[in-house]
Amino acid sequence: LIMIILNQSDVTPASFILNGIPGLEDMHMWISFPFCSMYVVAMVGNCGLLYLICYEDSLHRPMYYFLAMLSLTDLVMCSSTIPKALCIFWFHLKEIRFEECLVQMFFIHTFTGMESGVLMLMALDRYVAICYPLRYSTILTNPVIAKVGLATFLRAVLLIIPLIFLTKRLPYCKGNIIHHTYCDQLSVAKLSCGNIKANVIYGLMAALLIGGFDILCITVSYTMILRAVVSLSSADARQKAFSTCTAHICAIVFSYSPAFFCFFFNRFGSHAIPPSCHIIVANIYLLLPPTMNPIVYGVKTKQIRDCVIRVFTGSKNIKSHSI
């Protein structure tokens, strides 16, 4: 009886070992270069966007406030995983304490949920701008933007915290080696010798409440936008309306495409696709949107292009009038 009690009390490992990308250990150094390059681009691009939106008067509009939320979310999301992955690839620093693993898990899942929520808010922003242009500034006031942004963040936090506690309570007796570059919730739970059904069901429910709801709102918004744009009589007006949505549609594709792959792989395709492929895509899922979003918005948005040109040409008139 004493041995059983001792065994049950010693079920939480002090630390885990993040094993990187299994099967590709010899290529870790080569894989690290595109990861590092994309991370640098993501940091520079998103910090640059935040700087422009903060200090440029012409960008003090609802669309750019939502873009600032997206950039801040992207910074936290990729910084939660890539530095640790690079330490694994470069220095073989694979150990992560159990508490640190839970914290990393919280940030990853919270800010991926936040990313989805902000993309949904940006779709609603485009809907109001195109379908109700005369009421745009009165509907999306600064207090409204702050409230919906806070609500999106709190939704992600409140839905992810129970998942962290469900993972923390599990008994771990299948070793402490995680075949991943970061503490993914399912990868950690699979090391448990307990019943992880609650983790799987709750994780699926949280994904549907966040991702499913957001995709539904995005779909409805763009359906209404499409109906409004098609009804416009002027071809130039239709083209202008479509062009205002191009960057956001690209951001949606970059975010949800790898997310769908990871979601379906974890639940249905774990035997059909090599684990190394899944882990690479899982990292791309957290790295591609932060890397590409500043580039896409910088290329597709005239106001941002003009601000960047003024900065790099040394113009003293940084605070310009609205374009």
C-alpha atoms as a PDB file:
ATOM      1  CA  LEU A   1       0.000   0.000   0.000  1.00  0.00           C
ATOM      2  CA  ILE A   2       2.827   2.403   0.862  1.00  0.00           C
ATOM      3  CA  MET A   3       4.497   1.694  -2.500  1.00  0.00           C
ATOM      4  CA  ILE A   4       1.243   2.385  -4.368  1.00  0.00           C
ATOM      5  CA  ILE A   5       0.847   5.724  -2.579  1.00  0.00           C
ATOM      6  CA  LEU A   6       4.456   6.664  -3.351  1.00  0.00           C
ATOM      7  CA  ASN A   7       4.067   5.678  -6.995  1.00  0.00           C
ATOM      8  CA  GLN A   8       0.870   7.713  -7.332  1.00  0.00           C
ATOM      9  CA  SER A   9       2.464  10.752  -5.722  1.00  0.00           C
ATOM     10  CA  ASP A  10       5.463  10.712  -8.027  1.00  0.00           C
ATOM     11  CA  VAL A  11       3.656  11.052 -11.373  1.00  0.00           C
ATOM     12  CA  THR A  12       4.749  14.547 -12.415  1.00  0.00           C
ATOM     13  CA  PRO A  13       8.179  14.782 -14.071  1.00  0.00           C
ATOM     14  CA  ALA A  14      10.455  17.635 -13.092  1.00  0.00           C
ATOM     15  CA  SER A  15      11.140  18.312 -16.760  1.00  0.00           C
ATOM     16  CA  PHE A  16      10.486  17.127 -20.297  1.00  0.00           C
ATOM     17  CA  ILE A  17      12.915  16.591 -23.165  1.00  0.00           C
ATOM     18  CA  LEU A  18      11.880  18.256 -26.426  1.00  0.00           C
ATOM     19  CA  ASN A  19      13.364  15.980 -29.054  1.00  0.00           C
ATOM     20  CA  GLY A  20      13.006  18.341 -32.009  1.00  0.00           C
ATOM     21  CA  ILE A  21      11.992  16.751 -35.305  1.00  0.00           C
ATOM     22  CA  PRO A  22      12.262  12.954 -35.036  1.00  0.00           C
ATOM     23  CA  GLY A  23      13.943  11.302 -37.989  1.00  0.00           C
ATOM     24  CA  LEU A  24      15.573  14.534 -39.110  1.00  0.00           C
ATOM     25  CA  GLU A  25      18.041  15.044 -36.252  1.00  0.00           C
ATOM     26  CA  ASP A  26      20.981  15.181 -38.672  1.00  0.00           C
ATOM     27  CA  MET A  27      19.276  18.016 -40.568  1.00  0.00           C
ATOM     28  CA  HIS A  28      18.413  20.164 -37.547  1.00  0.00           C
ATOM     29  CA  MET A  29      21.136  22.675 -38.386  1.00  0.00           C
ATOM     30  CA  TRP A  30      19.891  23.101 -41.956  1.00  0.00           C
ATOM     31  CA  ILE A  31      16.260  23.309 -40.867  1.00  0.00           C
ATOM     32  CA  SER A  32      17.185  26.021 -38.381  1.00  0.00           C
ATOM     33  CA  PHE A  33      18.230  28.505 -41.087  1.00  0.00           C
ATOM     34  CA  PRO A  34      14.784  29.008 -42.704  1.00  0.00           C
ATOM     35  CA  PHE A  35      13.205  28.985 -39.235  1.00  0.00           C
ATOM     36  CA  CYS A  36      15.601  31.667 -38.010  1.00  0.00           C
ATOM     37  CA  SER A  37      15.231  33.750 -41.194  1.00  0.00           C
ATOM     38  CA  MET A  38      11.442  33.678 -40.997  1.00  0.00           C
ATOM     39  CA  TYR A  39      11.553  34.572 -37.297  1.00  0.00           C
ATOM     40  CA  VAL A  40      13.781  37.589 -37.959  1.00  0.00           C
ATOM     41  CA  VAL A  41      11.472  38.747 -40.766  1.00  0.00           C
ATOM     42  CA  ALA A  42       8.452  38.272 -38.469  1.00  0.00           C
ATOM     43  CA  MET A  43      10.033  40.274 -35.640  1.00  0.00           C
ATOM     44  CA  VAL A  44      11.229  43.120 -37.857  1.00  0.00           C
ATOM     45  CA  GLY A  45       8.032  43.247 -39.924  1.00  0.00           C
ATOM     46  CA  ASN A  46       5.576  43.188 -37.036  1.00  0.00           C
ATOM     47  CA  CYS A  47       7.587  45.598 -34.889  1.00  0.00           C
ATOM     48  CA  GLY A  48       7.788  47.903 -37.906  1.00  0.00           C
ATOM     49  CA  LEU A  49       4.029  47.731 -38.408  1.00  0.00           C
ATOM     50  CA  LEU A  50       3.388  48.487 -34.741  1.00  0.00           C
ATOM     51  CA  TYR A  51       5.738  51.466 -34.937  1.00  0.00           C
ATOM     52  CA  LEU A  52       4.037  52.869 -38.042  1.00  0.00           C
ATOM     53  CA  ILE A  53       0.525  52.399 -36.652  1.00  0.00           C
ATOM     54  CA  CYS A  54       1.521  54.048 -33.364  1.00  0.00           C
ATOM     55  CA  TYR A  55       3.248  57.120 -34.809  1.00  0.00           C
ATOM     56  CA  GLU A  56       1.533  57.691 -38.167  1.00  0.00           C
ATOM     57  CA  ASP A  57      -1.652  59.780 -38.021  1.00  0.00           C
ATOM     58  CA  SER A  58      -3.018  58.417 -41.294  1.00  0.00           C
ATOM     59  CA  LEU A  59      -3.051  54.914 -39.797  1.00  0.00           C
ATOM     60  CA  HIS A  60      -5.131  55.836 -36.758  1.00  0.00           C
ATOM     61  CA  ARG A  61      -8.197  54.021 -38.105  1.00  0.00           C
ATOM     62  CA  PRO A  62     -10.099  50.905 -37.001  1.00  0.00           C
ATOM     63  CA  MET A  63      -8.606  48.704 -39.734  1.00  0.00           C
ATOM     64  CA  TYR A  64      -5.071  49.479 -38.593  1.00  0.00           C
ATOM     65  CA  TYR A  65      -5.902  49.134 -34.910  1.00  0.00           C
ATOM     66  CA  PHE A  66      -7.032  45.574 -35.662  1.00  0.00           C
ATOM     67  CA  LEU A  67      -3.851  45.085 -37.691  1.00  0.00           C
ATOM     68  CA  ALA A  68      -1.843  46.223 -34.641  1.00  0.00           C
ATOM     69  CA  MET A  69      -3.659  43.582 -32.562  1.00  0.00           C
ATOM     70  CA  LEU A  70      -2.765  40.996 -35.186  1.00  0.00           C
ATOM     71  CA  SER A  71       0.896  42.037 -35.203  1.00  0.00           C
ATOM     72  CA  LEU A  72       1.150  41.934 -31.410  1.00  0.00           C
ATOM     73  CA  THR A  73      -0.501  38.511 -31.372  1.00  0.00           C
ATOM     74  CA  ASP A  74       1.887  37.258 -34.058  1.00  0.00           C
ATOM     75  CA  LEU A  75       4.910  38.468 -32.100  1.00  0.00           C
ATOM     76  CA  VAL A  76       3.881  36.597 -28.973  1.00  0.00           C
ATOM     77  CA  MET A  77       2.812  33.498 -30.895  1.00  0.00           C
ATOM     78  CA  CYS A  78       6.075  32.927 -32.759  1.00  0.00           C
ATOM     79  CA  SER A  79       8.260  34.060 -29.835  1.00  0.00           C
ATOM     80  CA  SER A  80       6.632  31.379 -27.655  1.00  0.00           C
ATOM     81  CA  THR A  81       8.135  28.588 -29.764  1.00  0.00           C
ATOM     82  CA  ILE A  82      10.885  29.557 -32.206  1.00  0.00           C
ATOM     83  CA  PRO A  83      13.605  30.654 -29.730  1.00  0.00           C
ATOM     84  CA  LYS A  84      13.305  27.316 -27.910  1.00  0.00           C
ATOM     85  CA  ALA A  85      13.308  25.432 -31.228  1.00  0.00           C
ATOM     86  CA  LEU A  86      16.496  27.227 -32.279  1.00  0.00           C
ATOM     87  CA  CYS A  87      18.115  26.320 -28.935  1.00  0.00           C
ATOM     88  CA  ILE A  88      17.280  22.686 -29.677  1.00  0.00           C
ATOM     89  CA  PHE A  89      18.660  22.875 -33.219  1.00  0.00           C
ATOM     90  CA  TRP A  90      21.833  24.860 -32.413  1.00  0.00           C
ATOM     91  CA  PHE A  91      22.819  24.017 -28.839  1.00  0.00           C
ATOM     92  CA  HIS A  92      20.935  20.767 -28.100  1.00  0.00           C
ATOM     93  CA  LEU A  93      19.244  22.463 -25.141  1.00  0.00           C
ATOM     94  CA  LYS A  94      16.277  20.129 -25.130  1.00  0.00           C
ATOM     95  CA  GLU A  95      15.221  20.170 -21.495  1.00  0.00           C
ATOM     96  CA  ILE A  96      12.202  22.201 -20.416  1.00  0.00           C
ATOM     97  CA  ARG A  97      10.812  22.220 -16.888  1.00  0.00           C
ATOM     98  CA  PHE A  98       7.279  20.945 -16.391  1.00  0.00           C
ATOM     99  CA  GLU A  99       5.987  24.368 -15.285  1.00  0.00           C
ATOM    100  CA  GLU A 100       7.715  26.081 -18.213  1.00  0.00           C
ATOM    101  CA  CYS A 101       6.136  23.546 -20.549  1.00  0.00           C
ATOM    102  CA  LEU A 102       2.669  24.407 -19.230  1.00  0.00           C
ATOM    103  CA  VAL A 103       3.366  28.130 -19.584  1.00  0.00           C
ATOM    104  CA  GLN A 104       4.550  27.661 -23.164  1.00  0.00           C
ATOM    105  CA  MET A 105       1.456  25.555 -23.885  1.00  0.00           C
ATOM    106  CA  PHE A 106      -0.763  28.316 -22.471  1.00  0.00           C
ATOM    107  CA  PHE A 107       0.811  31.036 -24.619  1.00  0.00           C
ATOM    108  CA  ILE A 108       0.750  28.925 -27.784  1.00  0.00           C
ATOM    109  CA  HIS A 109      -2.903  27.924 -27.552  1.00  0.00           C
ATOM    110  CA  THR A 110      -4.115  31.266 -26.179  1.00  0.00           C
ATOM    111  CA  PHE A 111      -2.511  33.351 -28.895  1.00  0.00           C
ATOM    112  CA  THR A 112      -3.420  31.008 -31.733  1.00  0.00           C
ATOM    113  CA  GLY A 113      -6.986  31.459 -30.488  1.00  0.00           C
ATOM    114  CA  MET A 114      -6.384  35.203 -30.312  1.00  0.00           C
ATOM    115  CA  GLU A 115      -5.066  35.159 -33.896  1.00  0.00           C
ATOM    116  CA  SER A 116      -8.241  33.494 -35.106  1.00  0.00           C
ATOM    117  CA  GLY A 117     -10.363  35.985 -33.180  1.00  0.00           C
ATOM    118  CA  VAL A 118      -8.549  39.011 -34.573  1.00  0.00           C
ATOM    119  CA  LEU A 119      -8.945  37.694 -38.128  1.00  0.00           C
ATOM    120  CA  MET A 120     -12.667  37.404 -37.424  1.00  0.00           C
ATOM    121  CA  LEU A 121     -12.771  40.995 -36.127  1.00  0.00           C
ATOM    122  CA  MET A 122     -10.936  42.190 -39.238  1.00  0.00           C
ATOM    123  CA  ALA A 123     -13.521  40.449 -41.422  1.00  0.00           C
ATOM    124  CA  LEU A 124     -16.301  42.239 -39.519  1.00  0.00           C
ATOM    125  CA  ASP A 125     -14.369  45.497 -39.952  1.00  0.00           C
ATOM    126  CA  ARG A 126     -14.283  45.002 -43.743  1.00  0.00           C
ATOM    127  CA  TYR A 127     -17.992  44.140 -43.696  1.00  0.00           C
ATOM    128  CA  VAL A 128     -18.895  47.388 -41.921  1.00  0.00           C
ATOM    129  CA  ALA A 129     -16.523  49.439 -44.127  1.00  0.00           C
ATOM    130  CA  ILE A 130     -18.005  48.120 -47.387  1.00  0.00           C
ATOM    131  CA  CYS A 131     -21.658  47.585 -46.463  1.00  0.00           C
ATOM    132  CA  TYR A 132     -22.101  50.608 -44.147  1.00  0.00           C
ATOM    133  CA  PRO A 133     -19.416  53.111 -45.252  1.00  0.00           C
ATOM    134  CA  LEU A 134     -21.273  56.196 -43.991  1.00  0.00           C
ATOM    135  CA  ARG A 135     -21.664  54.733 -40.493  1.00  0.00           C
ATOM    136  CA  TYR A 136     -18.195  53.149 -40.334  1.00  0.00           C
ATOM    137  CA  SER A 137     -16.601  55.693 -38.003  1.00  0.00           C
ATOM    138  CA  THR A 138     -19.640  55.813 -35.689  1.00  0.00           C
ATOM    139  CA  ILE A 139     -19.969  52.016 -35.400  1.00  0.00           C
ATOM    140  CA  LEU A 140     -16.274  51.180 -34.906  1.00  0.00           C
ATOM    141  CA  THR A 141     -15.278  53.778 -32.343  1.00  0.00           C
ATOM    142  CA  ASN A 142     -12.110  53.442 -30.263  1.00  0.00           C
ATOM    143  CA  PRO A 143     -13.998  52.223 -27.144  1.00  0.00           C
ATOM    144  CA  VAL A 144     -15.787  49.572 -29.238  1.00  0.00           C
ATOM    145  CA  ILE A 145     -12.482  48.396 -30.749  1.00  0.00           C
ATOM    146  CA  ALA A 146     -10.893  48.173 -27.290  1.00  0.00           C
ATOM    147  CA  LYS A 147     -13.858  46.207 -25.897  1.00  0.00           C
ATOM    148  CA  VAL A 148     -14.033  43.657 -28.727  1.00  0.00           C
ATOM    149  CA  GLY A 149     -10.252  43.229 -28.632  1.00  0.00           C
ATOM    150  CA  LEU A 150     -10.338  42.585 -24.875  1.00  0.00           C
ATOM    151  CA  ALA A 151     -13.295  40.215 -25.266  1.00  0.00           C
ATOM    152  CA  THR A 152     -11.404  38.228 -27.921  1.00  0.00           C
ATOM    153  CA  PHE A 153      -8.384  37.919 -25.640  1.00  0.00           C
ATOM    154  CA  LEU A 154     -10.468  36.908 -22.611  1.00  0.00           C
ATOM    155  CA  ARG A 155     -12.344  34.330 -24.668  1.00  0.00           C
ATOM    156  CA  ALA A 156      -9.067  32.641 -25.615  1.00  0.00           C
ATOM    157  CA  VAL A 157      -7.696  32.790 -22.045  1.00  0.00           C
ATOM    158  CA  LEU A 158     -10.853  31.433 -20.399  1.00  0.00           C
ATOM    159  CA  LEU A 159     -11.155  28.563 -22.874  1.00  0.00           C
ATOM    160  CA  ILE A 160      -7.481  27.539 -22.686  1.00  0.00           C
ATOM    161  CA  ILE A 161      -6.957  27.682 -18.896  1.00  0.00           C
ATOM    162  CA  PRO A 162      -9.098  24.555 -18.246  1.00  0.00           C
ATOM    163  CA  LEU A 163      -7.083  22.700 -20.889  1.00  0.00           C
ATOM    164  CA  ILE A 164      -3.869  23.536 -19.036  1.00  0.00           C
ATOM    165  CA  PHE A 165      -5.303  22.268 -15.749  1.00  0.00           C
ATOM    166  CA  LEU A 166      -6.531  19.085 -17.446  1.00  0.00           C
ATOM    167  CA  THR A 167      -2.986  18.500 -18.712  1.00  0.00           C
ATOM    168  CA  LYS A 168      -1.398  19.336 -15.347  1.00  0.00           C
ATOM    169  CA  ARG A 169      -3.517  16.823 -13.409  1.00  0.00           C
ATOM    170  CA  LEU A 170      -2.508  13.858 -15.604  1.00  0.00           C
ATOM    171  CA  PRO A 171      -0.123  11.198 -14.261  1.00  0.00           C
ATOM    172  CA  TYR A 172       2.976  10.913 -16.454  1.00  0.00           C
ATOM    173  CA  CYS A 173       4.628   7.522 -16.466  1.00  0.00           C
ATOM    174  CA  LYS A 174       5.409   6.897 -20.158  1.00  0.00           C
ATOM    175  CA  GLY A 175       8.696   8.759 -20.054  1.00  0.00           C
ATOM    176  CA  ASN A 176       9.435  12.448 -20.471  1.00  0.00           C
ATOM    177  CA  ILE A 177      10.533  12.677 -24.131  1.00  0.00           C
ATOM    178  CA  ILE A 178       8.280  14.840 -26.301  1.00  0.00           C
ATOM    179  CA  HIS A 179       8.805  14.257 -29.999  1.00  0.00           C
ATOM    180  CA  HIS A 180       8.232  17.883 -30.899  1.00  0.00           C
ATOM    181  CA  THR A 181       9.940  21.271 -30.856  1.00  0.00           C
ATOM    182  CA  TYR A 182       7.449  22.735 -28.373  1.00  0.00           C
ATOM    183  CA  CYS A 183       4.926  21.640 -25.751  1.00  0.00           C
ATOM    184  CA  ASP A 184       1.883  20.854 -27.836  1.00  0.00           C
ATOM    185  CA  GLN A 185      -1.044  19.835 -25.642  1.00  0.00           C
ATOM    186  CA  LEU A 186      -1.722  16.479 -27.295  1.00  0.00           C
ATOM    187  CA  SER A 187       1.974  15.592 -27.532  1.00  0.00           C
ATOM    188  CA  VAL A 188       2.330  16.129 -23.791  1.00  0.00           C
ATOM    189  CA  ALA A 189      -0.926  14.322 -22.915  1.00  0.00           C
ATOM    190  CA  LYS A 190       0.146  11.234 -24.868  1.00  0.00           C
ATOM    191  CA  LEU A 191       2.954  10.722 -22.338  1.00  0.00           C
ATOM    192  CA  SER A 192       0.372  10.147 -19.642  1.00  0.00           C
ATOM    193  CA  CYS A 193      -0.654   6.703 -18.453  1.00  0.00           C
ATOM    194  CA  GLY A 194      -3.998   8.137 -17.349  1.00  0.00           C
ATOM    195  CA  ASN A 195      -7.220   8.705 -19.235  1.00  0.00           C
ATOM    196  CA  ILE A 196      -6.763  11.606 -21.660  1.00  0.00           C
ATOM    197  CA  LYS A 197     -10.289  11.450 -23.100  1.00  0.00           C
ATOM    198  CA  ALA A 198     -11.256  14.645 -21.253  1.00  0.00           C
ATOM    199  CA  ASN A 199      -8.264  16.449 -22.773  1.00  0.00           C
ATOM    200  CA  VAL A 200      -9.156  15.285 -26.279  1.00  0.00           C
ATOM    201  CA  ILE A 201     -12.842  16.163 -25.964  1.00  0.00           C
ATOM    202  CA  TYR A 202     -12.221  19.540 -24.345  1.00  0.00           C
ATOM    203  CA  GLY A 203      -9.490  20.387 -26.869  1.00  0.00           C
ATOM    204  CA  LEU A 204     -11.893  19.613 -29.707  1.00  0.00           C
ATOM    205  CA  MET A 205     -14.632  21.668 -28.061  1.00  0.00           C
ATOM    206  CA  ALA A 206     -12.296  24.653 -27.544  1.00  0.00           C
ATOM    207  CA  ALA A 207     -11.151  24.447 -31.181  1.00  0.00           C
ATOM    208  CA  LEU A 208     -14.766  24.460 -32.374  1.00  0.00           C
ATOM    209  CA  LEU A 209     -15.788  27.295 -30.045  1.00  0.00           C
ATOM    210  CA  ILE A 210     -12.882  29.441 -31.217  1.00  0.00           C
ATOM    211  CA  GLY A 211     -11.961  28.380 -34.746  1.00  0.00           C
ATOM    212  CA  GLY A 212     -15.380  27.093 -35.798  1.00  0.00           C
ATOM    213  CA  PHE A 213     -17.187  30.217 -34.592  1.00  0.00           C
ATOM    214  CA  ASP A 214     -14.622  32.544 -36.155  1.00  0.00           C
ATOM    215  CA  ILE A 215     -14.679  30.756 -39.524  1.00  0.00           C
ATOM    216  CA  LEU A 216     -18.479  30.964 -39.519  1.00  0.00           C
ATOM    217  CA  CYS A 217     -18.366  34.725 -38.838  1.00  0.00           C
ATOM    218  CA  ILE A 218     -15.690  35.236 -41.519  1.00  0.00           C
ATOM    219  CA  THR A 219     -17.720  33.252 -44.054  1.00  0.00           C
ATOM    220  CA  VAL A 220     -20.923  35.182 -43.316  1.00  0.00           C
ATOM    221  CA  SER A 221     -19.047  38.513 -43.456  1.00  0.00           C
ATOM    222  CA  TYR A 222     -17.498  37.814 -46.830  1.00  0.00           C
ATOM    223  CA  THR A 223     -20.770  36.468 -48.203  1.00  0.00           C
ATOM    224  CA  MET A 224     -22.416  39.774 -47.313  1.00  0.00           C
ATOM    225  CA  ILE A 225     -19.426  41.699 -48.694  1.00  0.00           C
ATOM    226  CA  LEU A 226     -19.610  39.762 -51.973  1.00  0.00           C
ATOM    227  CA  ARG A 227     -23.324  40.494 -52.311  1.00  0.00           C
ATOM    228  CA  ALA A 228     -22.725  44.197 -51.654  1.00  0.00           C
ATOM    229  CA  VAL A 229     -19.795  44.426 -54.083  1.00  0.00           C
ATOM    230  CA  VAL A 230     -21.590  42.598 -56.903  1.00  0.00           C
ATOM    231  CA  SER A 231     -24.505  45.027 -56.597  1.00  0.00           C
ATOM    232  CA  LEU A 232     -22.223  48.035 -57.236  1.00  0.00           C
ATOM    233  CA  SER A 233     -22.778  49.591 -60.652  1.00  0.00           C
ATOM    234  CA  SER A 234     -19.234  50.903 -61.149  1.00  0.00           C
ATOM    235  CA  ALA A 235     -16.462  48.468 -62.126  1.00  0.00           C
ATOM    236  CA  ASP A 236     -13.897  50.733 -60.449  1.00  0.00           C
ATOM    237  CA  ALA A 237     -15.881  50.711 -57.223  1.00  0.00           C
ATOM    238  CA  ARG A 238     -16.092  46.916 -57.321  1.00  0.00           C
ATOM    239  CA  GLN A 239     -12.351  46.615 -57.915  1.00  0.00           C
ATOM    240  CA  LYS A 240     -11.565  49.048 -55.100  1.00  0.00           C
ATOM    241  CA  ALA A 241     -13.859  47.177 -52.697  1.00  0.00           C
ATOM    242  CA  PHE A 242     -12.272  43.844 -53.566  1.00  0.00           C
ATOM    243  CA  SER A 243      -8.750  45.250 -53.235  1.00  0.00           C
ATOM    244  CA  THR A 244      -9.421  46.401 -49.671  1.00  0.00           C
ATOM    245  CA  CYS A 245     -10.078  42.760 -48.722  1.00  0.00           C
ATOM    246  CA  THR A 246      -7.152  41.159 -50.570  1.00  0.00           C
ATOM    247  CA  ALA A 247      -4.586  41.435 -47.775  1.00  0.00           C
ATOM    248  CA  HIS A 248      -7.032  40.122 -45.187  1.00  0.00           C
ATOM    249  CA  ILE A 249      -7.990  37.138 -47.348  1.00  0.00           C
ATOM    250  CA  CYS A 250      -4.276  36.300 -47.725  1.00  0.00           C
ATOM    251  CA  ALA A 251      -3.856  36.486 -43.931  1.00  0.00           C
ATOM    252  CA  ILE A 252      -6.785  34.089 -43.503  1.00  0.00           C
ATOM    253  CA  VAL A 253      -5.258  31.605 -45.970  1.00  0.00           C
ATOM    254  CA  PHE A 254      -1.814  31.766 -44.304  1.00  0.00           C
ATOM    255  CA  SER A 255      -3.340  31.215 -40.874  1.00  0.00           C
ATOM    256  CA  TYR A 256      -6.033  28.597 -41.434  1.00  0.00           C
ATOM    257  CA  SER A 257      -4.401  26.355 -44.078  1.00  0.00           C
ATOM    258  CA  PRO A 258      -1.665  24.893 -41.810  1.00  0.00           C
ATOM    259  CA  ALA A 259      -4.104  25.006 -38.867  1.00  0.00           C
ATOM    260  CA  PHE A 260      -6.514  22.689 -40.685  1.00  0.00           C
ATOM    261  CA  PHE A 261      -3.661  20.329 -41.547  1.00  0.00           C
ATOM    262  CA  CYS A 262      -2.512  20.093 -37.923  1.00  0.00           C
ATOM    263  CA  PHE A 263      -6.068  19.703 -36.624  1.00  0.00           C
ATOM    264  CA  PHE A 264      -6.998  16.827 -38.938  1.00  0.00           C
ATOM    265  CA  PHE A 265      -3.598  15.151 -38.631  1.00  0.00           C
ATOM    266  CA  ASN A 266      -3.796  15.013 -34.824  1.00  0.00           C
ATOM    267  CA  ARG A 267      -7.210  13.349 -34.933  1.00  0.00           C
ATOM    268  CA  PHE A 268      -7.414  11.353 -38.150  1.00  0.00           C
ATOM    269  CA  GLY A 269      -4.097  11.080 -40.010  1.00  0.00           C
ATOM    270  CA  SER A 270      -1.445  10.217 -37.438  1.00  0.00           C
ATOM    271  CA  HIS A 271      -0.707   6.894 -39.168  1.00  0.00           C
ATOM    272  CA  ALA A 272      -0.780   8.191 -42.740  1.00  0.00           C
ATOM    273  CA  ILE A 273       1.693  11.095 -42.511  1.00  0.00           C
ATOM    274  CA  PRO A 274       5.251  10.925 -41.079  1.00  0.00           C
ATOM    275  CA  PRO A 275       5.558  12.666 -37.689  1.00  0.00           C
ATOM    276  CA  SER A 276       8.403  14.820 -39.013  1.00  0.00           C
ATOM    277  CA  CYS A 277       6.067  16.290 -41.645  1.00  0.00           C
ATOM    278  CA  HIS A 278       3.457  17.058 -39.008  1.00  0.00           C
ATOM    279  CA  ILE A 279       5.983  18.758 -36.719  1.00  0.00           C
ATOM    280  CA  ILE A 280       7.380  20.909 -39.544  1.00  0.00           C
ATOM    281  CA  VAL A 281       3.864  22.008 -40.534  1.00  0.00           C
ATOM    282  CA  ALA A 282       3.005  22.657 -36.862  1.00  0.00           C
ATOM    283  CA  ASN A 283       5.974  25.035 -36.653  1.00  0.00           C
ATOM    284  CA  ILE A 284       5.027  26.657 -39.968  1.00  0.00           C
ATOM    285  CA  TYR A 285       1.525  27.136 -38.555  1.00  0.00           C
ATOM    286  CA  LEU A 286       3.004  29.306 -35.796  1.00  0.00           C
ATOM    287  CA  LEU A 287       5.634  30.990 -37.987  1.00  0.00           C
ATOM    288  CA  LEU A 288       4.113  31.555 -41.434  1.00  0.00           C
ATOM    289  CA  PRO A 289       1.343  34.032 -40.478  1.00  0.00           C
ATOM    290  CA  PRO A 290       3.689  36.277 -38.410  1.00  0.00           C
ATOM    291  CA  THR A 291       6.184  36.252 -41.285  1.00  0.00           C
ATOM    292  CA  MET A 292       3.795  36.850 -44.162  1.00  0.00           C
ATOM    293  CA  ASN A 293       1.206  39.199 -42.645  1.00  0.00           C
ATOM    294  CA  PRO A 294       3.486  42.286 -42.498  1.00  0.00           C
ATOM    295  CA  ILE A 295       4.738  41.590 -46.034  1.00  0.00           C
ATOM    296  CA  VAL A 296       1.234  41.149 -47.474  1.00  0.00           C
ATOM    297  CA  TYR A 297      -0.184  44.213 -45.731  1.00  0.00           C
ATOM    298  CA  GLY A 298       2.897  46.238 -46.652  1.00  0.00           C
ATOM    299  CA  VAL A 299       2.547  45.329 -50.332  1.00  0.00           C
ATOM    300  CA  LYS A 300      -1.251  45.464 -50.642  1.00  0.00           C
ATOM    301  CA  THR A 301      -2.050  48.514 -48.488  1.00  0.00           C
ATOM    302  CA  LYS A 302      -1.254  51.879 -50.076  1.00  0.00           C
ATOM    303  CA  GLN A 303      -1.253  53.817 -46.784  1.00  0.00           C
ATOM    304  CA  ILE A 304       1.324  51.476 -45.254  1.00  0.00           C
ATOM    305  CA  ARG A 305       3.466  51.572 -48.424  1.00  0.00           C
ATOM    306  CA  ASP A 306       3.463  55.367 -48.374  1.00  0.00           C
ATOM    307  CA  CYS A 307       4.422  55.441 -44.690  1.00  0.00           C
ATOM    308  CA  VAL A 308       7.287  53.017 -45.267  1.00  0.00           C
ATOM    309  CA  ILE A 309       8.548  55.080 -48.214  1.00  0.00           C
ATOM    310  CA  ARG A 310       8.497  58.252 -46.124  1.00  0.00           C
ATOM    311  CA  VAL A 311      10.479  56.531 -43.347  1.00  0.00           C
ATOM    312  CA  PHE A 312      13.124  55.106 -45.681  1.00  0.00           C
ATOM    313  CA  THR A 313      13.473  58.307 -47.722  1.00  0.00           C
ATOM    314  CA  GLY A 314      14.078  60.286 -44.547  1.00  0.00           C
ATOM    315  CA  SER A 315      11.037  62.492 -44.906  1.00  0.00           C
ATOM    316  CA  LYS A 316      10.536  64.742 -41.903  1.00  0.00           C
ATOM    317  CA  ASN A 317       6.803  64.784 -42.392  1.00  0.00           C
ATOM    318  CA  ILE A 318       6.249  61.481 -40.627  1.00  0.00           C
ATOM    319  CA  LYS A 319       2.844  62.485 -39.320  1.00  0.00           C
ATOM    320  CA  SER A 320       0.976  62.970 -42.552  1.00  0.00           C
ATOM    321  CA  HIS A 321      -2.621  63.701 -43.283  1.00  0.00           C
ATOM    322  CA  SER A 322      -5.063  60.921 -43.909  1.00  0.00           C
ATOM    323  CA  ILE A 323      -4.846  59.457 -47.401  1.00  0.00           C
END
